[in-house]
N, C-alpha and C. Protein backbone atom coordinates (compact mmCIF):
# COMPACT_ATOMS: atom_id res chain seq x y z
N MET A 1 -33.86 0.54 11.49
CA MET A 1 -32.47 0.72 12.09
C MET A 1 -31.95 2.03 11.63
N THR A 2 -31.23 2.61 12.59
CA THR A 2 -30.46 3.88 12.20
C THR A 2 -29.42 3.62 11.18
N GLU A 3 -29.09 4.68 10.45
CA GLU A 3 -28.02 4.59 9.45
C GLU A 3 -26.74 4.11 10.09
N ILE A 4 -26.17 3.08 9.52
CA ILE A 4 -24.92 2.63 10.18
C ILE A 4 -23.76 3.05 9.34
N PRO A 5 -22.54 3.17 9.90
CA PRO A 5 -21.40 3.55 9.12
C PRO A 5 -21.10 2.58 8.05
N ALA A 6 -20.47 3.07 7.02
CA ALA A 6 -20.18 2.28 5.81
C ALA A 6 -19.39 1.02 6.10
N PRO A 7 -18.30 1.12 6.99
CA PRO A 7 -17.56 -0.09 7.24
C PRO A 7 -18.35 -1.18 7.93
N VAL A 8 -19.36 -0.68 8.79
CA VAL A 8 -20.20 -1.71 9.52
C VAL A 8 -21.21 -2.36 8.46
N ALA A 9 -21.71 -1.52 7.56
CA ALA A 9 -22.61 -2.09 6.52
C ALA A 9 -21.89 -3.12 5.65
N ARG A 10 -20.58 -2.81 5.40
CA ARG A 10 -19.73 -3.79 4.64
C ARG A 10 -19.68 -5.12 5.35
N VAL A 11 -19.48 -5.13 6.71
CA VAL A 11 -19.33 -6.28 7.50
C VAL A 11 -20.79 -7.03 7.49
N ARG A 12 -21.84 -6.24 7.66
CA ARG A 12 -23.14 -6.84 7.74
C ARG A 12 -23.44 -7.53 6.42
N ASP A 13 -23.13 -6.90 5.33
CA ASP A 13 -23.41 -7.45 3.95
C ASP A 13 -22.58 -8.74 3.76
N ALA A 14 -21.31 -8.61 4.19
CA ALA A 14 -20.43 -9.84 4.00
C ALA A 14 -20.89 -11.03 4.83
N ALA A 15 -21.39 -10.68 6.03
CA ALA A 15 -21.94 -11.75 6.85
C ALA A 15 -23.16 -12.40 6.08
N GLN A 16 -23.95 -11.65 5.57
CA GLN A 16 -25.12 -12.19 4.82
C GLN A 16 -24.61 -13.09 3.69
N SER A 17 -23.66 -12.52 2.94
CA SER A 17 -23.08 -13.34 1.81
C SER A 17 -22.50 -14.61 2.20
N LEU A 18 -21.94 -14.69 3.48
CA LEU A 18 -21.43 -15.94 4.01
C LEU A 18 -22.48 -16.84 4.61
N GLY A 19 -23.74 -16.39 4.70
CA GLY A 19 -24.76 -17.08 5.33
C GLY A 19 -24.65 -17.16 6.83
N LEU A 20 -24.02 -16.06 7.32
CA LEU A 20 -23.69 -16.04 8.74
C LEU A 20 -24.61 -15.10 9.50
N GLU A 21 -25.39 -15.60 10.46
CA GLU A 21 -26.29 -14.85 11.24
C GLU A 21 -25.57 -14.14 12.48
N ILE A 22 -25.56 -12.83 12.47
CA ILE A 22 -24.80 -12.06 13.40
C ILE A 22 -25.70 -11.15 14.20
N GLY A 23 -25.36 -10.91 15.44
CA GLY A 23 -26.06 -9.89 16.18
C GLY A 23 -25.23 -8.64 16.27
N LEU A 24 -25.56 -7.70 15.38
CA LEU A 24 -24.78 -6.47 15.15
C LEU A 24 -25.11 -5.41 16.24
N ARG A 25 -24.18 -4.74 16.81
CA ARG A 25 -24.44 -3.74 17.85
C ARG A 25 -23.51 -2.59 17.54
N VAL A 26 -24.05 -1.34 17.31
CA VAL A 26 -23.28 -0.17 17.16
C VAL A 26 -23.42 0.60 18.48
N MET A 27 -22.34 1.04 19.13
CA MET A 27 -22.38 1.48 20.50
C MET A 27 -21.80 2.88 20.64
N ASP A 28 -22.07 3.57 21.63
CA ASP A 28 -21.49 4.94 21.93
C ASP A 28 -20.15 4.77 22.58
N VAL A 29 -19.91 3.60 23.23
CA VAL A 29 -18.61 3.39 23.88
C VAL A 29 -17.63 2.63 22.93
N SER A 30 -16.39 2.83 23.28
CA SER A 30 -15.36 2.16 22.41
C SER A 30 -15.18 0.66 22.80
N ALA A 31 -14.95 -0.09 21.74
CA ALA A 31 -14.65 -1.51 22.00
C ALA A 31 -13.34 -1.84 21.26
N ARG A 32 -12.44 -0.86 21.28
CA ARG A 32 -11.11 -0.96 20.56
C ARG A 32 -10.29 -2.08 21.15
N THR A 33 -10.25 -2.28 22.43
CA THR A 33 -9.47 -3.35 23.05
C THR A 33 -10.40 -4.44 23.56
N ALA A 34 -9.79 -5.59 23.80
CA ALA A 34 -10.63 -6.74 24.22
C ALA A 34 -11.29 -6.41 25.59
N GLU A 35 -10.56 -5.65 26.42
CA GLU A 35 -11.12 -5.37 27.73
C GLU A 35 -12.37 -4.34 27.56
N GLU A 36 -12.20 -3.41 26.71
CA GLU A 36 -13.27 -2.45 26.45
C GLU A 36 -14.48 -3.14 25.82
N ALA A 37 -14.15 -4.04 24.85
CA ALA A 37 -15.26 -4.81 24.28
C ALA A 37 -16.00 -5.74 25.16
N ALA A 38 -15.27 -6.36 26.07
CA ALA A 38 -15.89 -7.27 27.07
C ALA A 38 -16.85 -6.46 28.02
N ALA A 39 -16.35 -5.31 28.44
CA ALA A 39 -17.18 -4.46 29.25
C ALA A 39 -18.42 -3.96 28.56
N ALA A 40 -18.27 -3.52 27.26
CA ALA A 40 -19.38 -3.05 26.57
C ALA A 40 -20.41 -4.16 26.25
N CYS A 41 -19.95 -5.36 26.01
CA CYS A 41 -20.77 -6.54 25.58
C CYS A 41 -21.31 -7.23 26.80
N GLY A 42 -20.74 -7.03 27.96
CA GLY A 42 -21.16 -7.72 29.18
C GLY A 42 -20.78 -9.25 29.17
N CYS A 43 -19.64 -9.48 28.69
CA CYS A 43 -19.07 -10.88 28.61
C CYS A 43 -17.68 -10.98 29.21
N VAL A 44 -17.17 -12.16 29.30
CA VAL A 44 -15.78 -12.32 29.72
C VAL A 44 -14.84 -11.97 28.58
N VAL A 45 -13.57 -11.57 28.90
CA VAL A 45 -12.61 -11.14 27.96
C VAL A 45 -12.36 -12.31 26.92
N GLY A 46 -12.33 -13.51 27.40
CA GLY A 46 -12.08 -14.70 26.54
C GLY A 46 -13.08 -14.93 25.42
N ALA A 47 -14.25 -14.30 25.53
CA ALA A 47 -15.29 -14.35 24.51
C ALA A 47 -15.16 -13.26 23.45
N ILE A 48 -14.17 -12.47 23.56
CA ILE A 48 -13.86 -11.45 22.53
C ILE A 48 -12.95 -11.99 21.53
N VAL A 49 -13.26 -11.78 20.27
CA VAL A 49 -12.39 -12.26 19.13
C VAL A 49 -11.52 -11.07 18.71
N LYS A 50 -10.20 -11.20 19.04
CA LYS A 50 -9.27 -10.18 18.61
C LYS A 50 -8.84 -10.61 17.19
N SER A 51 -9.04 -9.64 16.20
CA SER A 51 -8.59 -9.86 14.86
C SER A 51 -7.22 -9.19 14.75
N LEU A 52 -6.15 -10.01 14.74
CA LEU A 52 -4.80 -9.48 14.68
C LEU A 52 -4.12 -9.82 13.48
N VAL A 53 -3.63 -8.79 12.73
CA VAL A 53 -2.96 -9.03 11.46
C VAL A 53 -1.48 -9.13 11.73
N PHE A 54 -0.82 -10.11 11.17
CA PHE A 54 0.61 -10.25 11.20
C PHE A 54 1.09 -10.33 9.81
N ARG A 55 2.39 -10.34 9.61
CA ARG A 55 2.98 -10.49 8.26
C ARG A 55 3.89 -11.69 8.29
N GLY A 56 3.75 -12.58 7.25
CA GLY A 56 4.67 -13.66 7.12
C GLY A 56 6.05 -13.19 6.86
N VAL A 57 7.08 -13.55 7.59
CA VAL A 57 8.41 -13.05 7.52
C VAL A 57 8.93 -13.39 6.13
N THR A 58 8.76 -14.64 5.61
CA THR A 58 9.29 -15.07 4.36
C THR A 58 8.46 -14.60 3.17
N SER A 59 7.12 -14.70 3.26
CA SER A 59 6.25 -14.44 2.19
C SER A 59 5.89 -12.93 2.09
N GLY A 60 5.93 -12.28 3.24
CA GLY A 60 5.43 -10.83 3.18
C GLY A 60 3.89 -10.68 3.12
N THR A 61 3.20 -11.81 3.21
CA THR A 61 1.73 -11.77 3.04
C THR A 61 1.09 -11.52 4.41
N PRO A 62 -0.11 -10.87 4.39
CA PRO A 62 -0.81 -10.65 5.63
C PRO A 62 -1.45 -11.98 6.11
N ILE A 63 -1.39 -12.12 7.42
CA ILE A 63 -1.95 -13.36 8.11
C ILE A 63 -2.86 -12.82 9.24
N LEU A 64 -4.11 -13.33 9.17
CA LEU A 64 -5.06 -12.83 10.20
C LEU A 64 -5.18 -13.96 11.30
N LEU A 65 -4.96 -13.59 12.52
CA LEU A 65 -5.16 -14.49 13.64
C LEU A 65 -6.42 -14.01 14.37
N LEU A 66 -7.37 -14.92 14.54
CA LEU A 66 -8.58 -14.61 15.25
C LEU A 66 -8.39 -15.28 16.58
N VAL A 67 -8.09 -14.40 17.63
CA VAL A 67 -7.53 -14.84 18.92
C VAL A 67 -8.54 -14.54 20.02
N SER A 68 -8.61 -15.44 20.99
CA SER A 68 -9.46 -15.26 22.18
C SER A 68 -8.87 -14.01 22.91
N GLY A 69 -9.72 -13.12 23.33
CA GLY A 69 -9.29 -11.94 24.01
C GLY A 69 -8.45 -12.25 25.27
N ALA A 70 -8.61 -13.47 25.87
CA ALA A 70 -7.90 -13.84 27.04
C ALA A 70 -6.43 -14.29 26.75
N ASN A 71 -6.13 -14.45 25.42
CA ASN A 71 -4.80 -15.01 25.06
C ASN A 71 -3.89 -13.94 24.45
N ARG A 72 -2.61 -14.19 24.72
CA ARG A 72 -1.62 -13.40 24.04
C ARG A 72 -1.02 -14.39 22.97
N VAL A 73 -0.70 -13.89 21.81
CA VAL A 73 -0.21 -14.75 20.73
C VAL A 73 1.22 -15.16 21.04
N ASP A 74 1.39 -16.51 21.01
CA ASP A 74 2.71 -17.16 21.10
C ASP A 74 3.25 -17.19 19.69
N GLU A 75 4.05 -16.21 19.20
CA GLU A 75 4.36 -16.19 17.85
C GLU A 75 5.16 -17.45 17.44
N ALA A 76 5.98 -17.98 18.24
CA ALA A 76 6.74 -19.21 17.92
C ALA A 76 5.72 -20.44 17.69
N LYS A 77 4.79 -20.52 18.56
CA LYS A 77 3.76 -21.65 18.42
C LYS A 77 2.97 -21.48 17.15
N VAL A 78 2.57 -20.28 16.82
CA VAL A 78 1.78 -19.97 15.65
C VAL A 78 2.63 -20.26 14.44
N ALA A 79 3.87 -19.80 14.41
CA ALA A 79 4.82 -20.16 13.30
C ALA A 79 4.99 -21.57 13.06
N GLU A 80 5.06 -22.38 14.11
CA GLU A 80 5.13 -23.80 13.90
C GLU A 80 3.90 -24.42 13.26
N ALA A 81 2.77 -23.88 13.75
CA ALA A 81 1.44 -24.39 13.23
C ALA A 81 1.15 -24.05 11.78
N ILE A 82 1.66 -22.76 11.42
CA ILE A 82 1.29 -22.30 10.04
C ILE A 82 2.45 -22.53 9.03
N GLY A 83 3.64 -22.82 9.55
CA GLY A 83 4.72 -23.11 8.62
C GLY A 83 5.54 -21.94 8.24
N GLU A 84 5.33 -20.81 8.93
CA GLU A 84 6.11 -19.60 8.59
C GLU A 84 6.20 -18.65 9.78
N ALA A 85 7.37 -18.09 10.02
CA ALA A 85 7.52 -17.11 11.08
C ALA A 85 6.62 -15.87 10.78
N ILE A 86 6.23 -15.23 11.85
CA ILE A 86 5.29 -14.02 11.73
C ILE A 86 5.92 -12.82 12.39
N GLU A 87 5.53 -11.73 11.93
CA GLU A 87 5.97 -10.45 12.64
C GLU A 87 4.83 -9.44 12.65
N ARG A 88 4.93 -8.46 13.52
CA ARG A 88 3.81 -7.42 13.55
C ARG A 88 4.11 -6.42 12.54
N PRO A 89 3.17 -6.09 11.66
CA PRO A 89 3.44 -5.05 10.68
C PRO A 89 2.95 -3.67 11.25
N ASP A 90 3.14 -2.61 10.48
CA ASP A 90 2.69 -1.30 10.93
C ASP A 90 1.23 -1.15 10.54
N ALA A 91 0.62 -0.05 11.11
CA ALA A 91 -0.74 0.19 10.86
C ALA A 91 -1.15 0.36 9.35
N ALA A 92 -0.29 0.96 8.56
CA ALA A 92 -0.58 1.17 7.13
C ALA A 92 -0.68 -0.17 6.46
N PHE A 93 0.11 -1.13 6.84
CA PHE A 93 0.04 -2.51 6.26
C PHE A 93 -1.25 -3.13 6.60
N VAL A 94 -1.63 -3.04 7.84
CA VAL A 94 -2.88 -3.64 8.33
C VAL A 94 -4.10 -2.98 7.63
N ARG A 95 -4.13 -1.70 7.52
CA ARG A 95 -5.25 -1.05 6.84
C ARG A 95 -5.27 -1.42 5.32
N GLY A 96 -4.09 -1.50 4.68
CA GLY A 96 -4.08 -1.79 3.29
C GLY A 96 -4.58 -3.19 3.08
N ALA A 97 -4.25 -4.12 3.96
CA ALA A 97 -4.62 -5.61 3.75
C ALA A 97 -6.11 -5.77 4.09
N THR A 98 -6.61 -5.06 5.15
CA THR A 98 -7.97 -5.33 5.59
C THR A 98 -8.99 -4.37 5.09
N GLY A 99 -8.56 -3.10 4.89
CA GLY A 99 -9.49 -2.04 4.60
C GLY A 99 -10.13 -1.43 5.84
N PHE A 100 -9.64 -1.82 7.05
CA PHE A 100 -10.16 -1.36 8.27
C PHE A 100 -9.05 -0.82 9.18
N ALA A 101 -9.31 -0.04 10.02
CA ALA A 101 -8.34 0.56 11.02
C ALA A 101 -8.24 -0.45 12.19
N ILE A 102 -7.11 -0.47 12.76
CA ILE A 102 -6.88 -1.34 13.97
C ILE A 102 -7.83 -0.94 15.05
N GLY A 103 -8.43 -1.90 15.68
CA GLY A 103 -9.46 -1.63 16.73
C GLY A 103 -10.90 -1.87 16.22
N GLY A 104 -10.99 -2.02 14.84
CA GLY A 104 -12.36 -2.28 14.24
C GLY A 104 -12.32 -3.37 13.19
N ILE A 105 -11.15 -4.14 13.23
CA ILE A 105 -10.94 -5.15 12.15
C ILE A 105 -11.87 -6.36 12.36
N PRO A 106 -12.71 -6.63 11.48
CA PRO A 106 -13.62 -7.83 11.57
C PRO A 106 -12.94 -9.11 11.10
N PRO A 107 -13.51 -10.25 11.37
CA PRO A 107 -12.88 -11.54 10.95
C PRO A 107 -13.02 -11.79 9.47
N PHE A 108 -13.87 -11.00 8.76
CA PHE A 108 -14.12 -11.22 7.35
C PHE A 108 -14.36 -9.78 6.69
N ALA A 109 -14.68 -9.72 5.36
CA ALA A 109 -15.02 -8.53 4.67
C ALA A 109 -13.78 -7.65 4.39
N HIS A 110 -12.62 -8.28 4.24
CA HIS A 110 -11.38 -7.56 4.12
C HIS A 110 -11.16 -7.07 2.61
N ALA A 111 -10.32 -6.14 2.46
CA ALA A 111 -9.99 -5.53 1.13
C ALA A 111 -9.24 -6.49 0.33
N THR A 112 -8.37 -7.46 0.93
CA THR A 112 -7.70 -8.48 0.20
C THR A 112 -7.96 -9.86 0.87
N THR A 113 -7.59 -10.91 0.14
CA THR A 113 -7.72 -12.21 0.76
C THR A 113 -6.67 -12.46 1.77
N LEU A 114 -7.06 -12.83 2.99
CA LEU A 114 -6.08 -13.12 4.02
C LEU A 114 -6.08 -14.56 4.41
N SER A 115 -4.88 -15.06 4.67
CA SER A 115 -4.87 -16.41 5.34
C SER A 115 -5.26 -16.21 6.76
N SER A 116 -6.28 -16.93 7.16
CA SER A 116 -6.82 -16.71 8.49
C SER A 116 -6.74 -17.95 9.38
N PHE A 117 -6.49 -17.78 10.63
CA PHE A 117 -6.33 -18.88 11.61
C PHE A 117 -7.22 -18.62 12.76
N PHE A 118 -7.82 -19.65 13.37
CA PHE A 118 -8.83 -19.47 14.39
C PHE A 118 -8.34 -20.11 15.70
N ASP A 119 -8.36 -19.36 16.81
CA ASP A 119 -7.84 -19.77 18.10
C ASP A 119 -8.87 -20.81 18.69
N ARG A 120 -8.37 -22.03 19.02
CA ARG A 120 -9.22 -23.07 19.47
C ARG A 120 -9.95 -22.70 20.83
N ASP A 121 -9.29 -21.75 21.59
CA ASP A 121 -9.92 -21.34 22.84
C ASP A 121 -11.22 -20.58 22.66
N LEU A 122 -11.58 -20.16 21.45
CA LEU A 122 -12.76 -19.37 21.24
C LEU A 122 -13.96 -20.37 21.34
N PHE A 123 -13.72 -21.66 21.12
CA PHE A 123 -14.83 -22.62 21.25
C PHE A 123 -15.25 -22.91 22.69
N ARG A 124 -14.53 -22.38 23.66
CA ARG A 124 -15.01 -22.47 25.03
C ARG A 124 -16.22 -21.70 25.28
N HIS A 125 -16.68 -20.85 24.44
CA HIS A 125 -17.84 -19.95 24.62
C HIS A 125 -19.02 -20.29 23.62
N ALA A 126 -20.13 -20.14 24.10
CA ALA A 126 -21.32 -20.47 23.29
C ALA A 126 -21.50 -19.43 22.23
N SER A 127 -21.10 -18.16 22.64
CA SER A 127 -21.15 -16.96 21.74
C SER A 127 -19.93 -16.13 21.89
N VAL A 128 -19.40 -15.56 20.84
CA VAL A 128 -18.25 -14.74 20.93
C VAL A 128 -18.62 -13.44 20.20
N TRP A 129 -17.81 -12.34 20.57
CA TRP A 129 -18.06 -10.97 20.08
C TRP A 129 -16.90 -10.60 19.24
N ALA A 130 -17.12 -10.04 18.03
CA ALA A 130 -15.99 -9.58 17.18
C ALA A 130 -16.21 -8.17 16.65
N ALA A 131 -15.20 -7.53 16.30
CA ALA A 131 -15.32 -6.19 15.73
C ALA A 131 -16.09 -6.17 14.49
N ALA A 132 -16.82 -5.15 14.20
CA ALA A 132 -17.66 -5.10 13.03
C ALA A 132 -17.42 -3.87 12.17
N GLY A 133 -16.09 -3.53 12.01
CA GLY A 133 -15.73 -2.50 11.07
C GLY A 133 -15.26 -1.17 11.62
N THR A 134 -15.64 -0.89 12.85
CA THR A 134 -15.17 0.28 13.58
C THR A 134 -14.99 -0.12 15.08
N PRO A 135 -14.25 0.79 15.86
CA PRO A 135 -14.10 0.51 17.25
C PRO A 135 -15.31 0.69 18.09
N HIS A 136 -16.45 1.09 17.39
CA HIS A 136 -17.73 1.28 18.16
C HIS A 136 -18.81 0.25 17.66
N ALA A 137 -18.44 -0.75 16.92
CA ALA A 137 -19.35 -1.73 16.37
C ALA A 137 -18.80 -3.17 16.62
N VAL A 138 -19.64 -4.00 17.10
CA VAL A 138 -19.27 -5.37 17.38
C VAL A 138 -20.50 -6.29 16.84
N PHE A 139 -20.17 -7.54 16.81
CA PHE A 139 -21.28 -8.48 16.55
C PHE A 139 -21.14 -9.78 17.29
N ALA A 140 -22.21 -10.41 17.67
CA ALA A 140 -22.17 -11.69 18.37
C ALA A 140 -22.41 -12.80 17.37
N VAL A 141 -21.72 -13.89 17.59
CA VAL A 141 -21.91 -15.04 16.68
C VAL A 141 -21.44 -16.26 17.39
N SER A 142 -21.93 -17.41 16.94
CA SER A 142 -21.40 -18.70 17.46
C SER A 142 -20.00 -18.89 16.94
N PRO A 143 -19.07 -19.23 17.81
CA PRO A 143 -17.72 -19.58 17.29
C PRO A 143 -17.67 -20.61 16.20
N GLN A 144 -18.51 -21.63 16.37
CA GLN A 144 -18.45 -22.73 15.40
C GLN A 144 -18.96 -22.15 14.05
N ALA A 145 -20.05 -21.30 14.03
CA ALA A 145 -20.60 -20.81 12.81
C ALA A 145 -19.55 -19.85 12.13
N LEU A 146 -18.87 -19.08 12.93
CA LEU A 146 -17.85 -18.17 12.41
C LEU A 146 -16.67 -18.92 11.73
N GLN A 147 -16.22 -19.85 12.48
CA GLN A 147 -15.03 -20.68 11.95
C GLN A 147 -15.40 -21.40 10.67
N THR A 148 -16.61 -21.95 10.66
CA THR A 148 -17.08 -22.72 9.46
C THR A 148 -17.26 -21.77 8.29
N ALA A 149 -17.90 -20.58 8.50
CA ALA A 149 -18.16 -19.65 7.49
C ALA A 149 -16.87 -19.10 6.78
N ILE A 150 -15.86 -18.84 7.55
CA ILE A 150 -14.63 -18.29 6.98
C ILE A 150 -13.60 -19.40 6.64
N GLY A 151 -13.82 -20.64 7.17
CA GLY A 151 -12.95 -21.74 6.70
C GLY A 151 -11.58 -21.64 7.27
N ALA A 152 -11.41 -21.00 8.39
CA ALA A 152 -10.06 -20.81 8.96
C ALA A 152 -9.65 -22.15 9.78
N PRO A 153 -8.43 -22.59 9.53
CA PRO A 153 -7.98 -23.74 10.32
C PRO A 153 -7.88 -23.38 11.78
N VAL A 154 -8.15 -24.26 12.66
CA VAL A 154 -8.07 -24.08 14.11
C VAL A 154 -6.79 -24.45 14.69
N ILE A 155 -6.11 -23.49 15.38
CA ILE A 155 -4.87 -23.72 15.98
C ILE A 155 -4.79 -23.24 17.41
N ALA A 156 -3.73 -23.71 18.21
CA ALA A 156 -3.55 -23.16 19.51
C ALA A 156 -2.57 -21.86 19.36
N MET A 157 -3.01 -20.80 19.97
CA MET A 157 -2.26 -19.54 19.82
C MET A 157 -1.69 -18.98 21.08
N GLY A 158 -2.16 -19.41 22.25
CA GLY A 158 -1.63 -18.88 23.43
C GLY A 158 -0.78 -19.86 24.19
């Protein structure tokens, strides 16, 4: 295999540590948005895992929402499910919490421990695609295996 970027290697190694089998792909095209990722991976937008970092309004802690690419986050619905209102932080907060730039945030391998929540709509797909550390790297995985490996509670987000 060709030398892969350090952030992608971090995701690969973390997947192995979690016992998670992933199909890693580093591409020449961007997968920064769900639409770009779906086109690059040859799948429907709903099979893309958007890793969106929010901040708890009361706690100030980072909260990772793993959302189907077809859904927009209903912040009120998520707040009710997790017990705290959420807000969108700036890019510096996201990078500090995850260690990754927006557009390449994976569902695991973060710089800090994040409370994570899993969109139930991802289970509609046999396989889903998630960012693997950069906007040009993705991986395929079973949604059940991903959710089990990271232990994220399943909630409705859209």
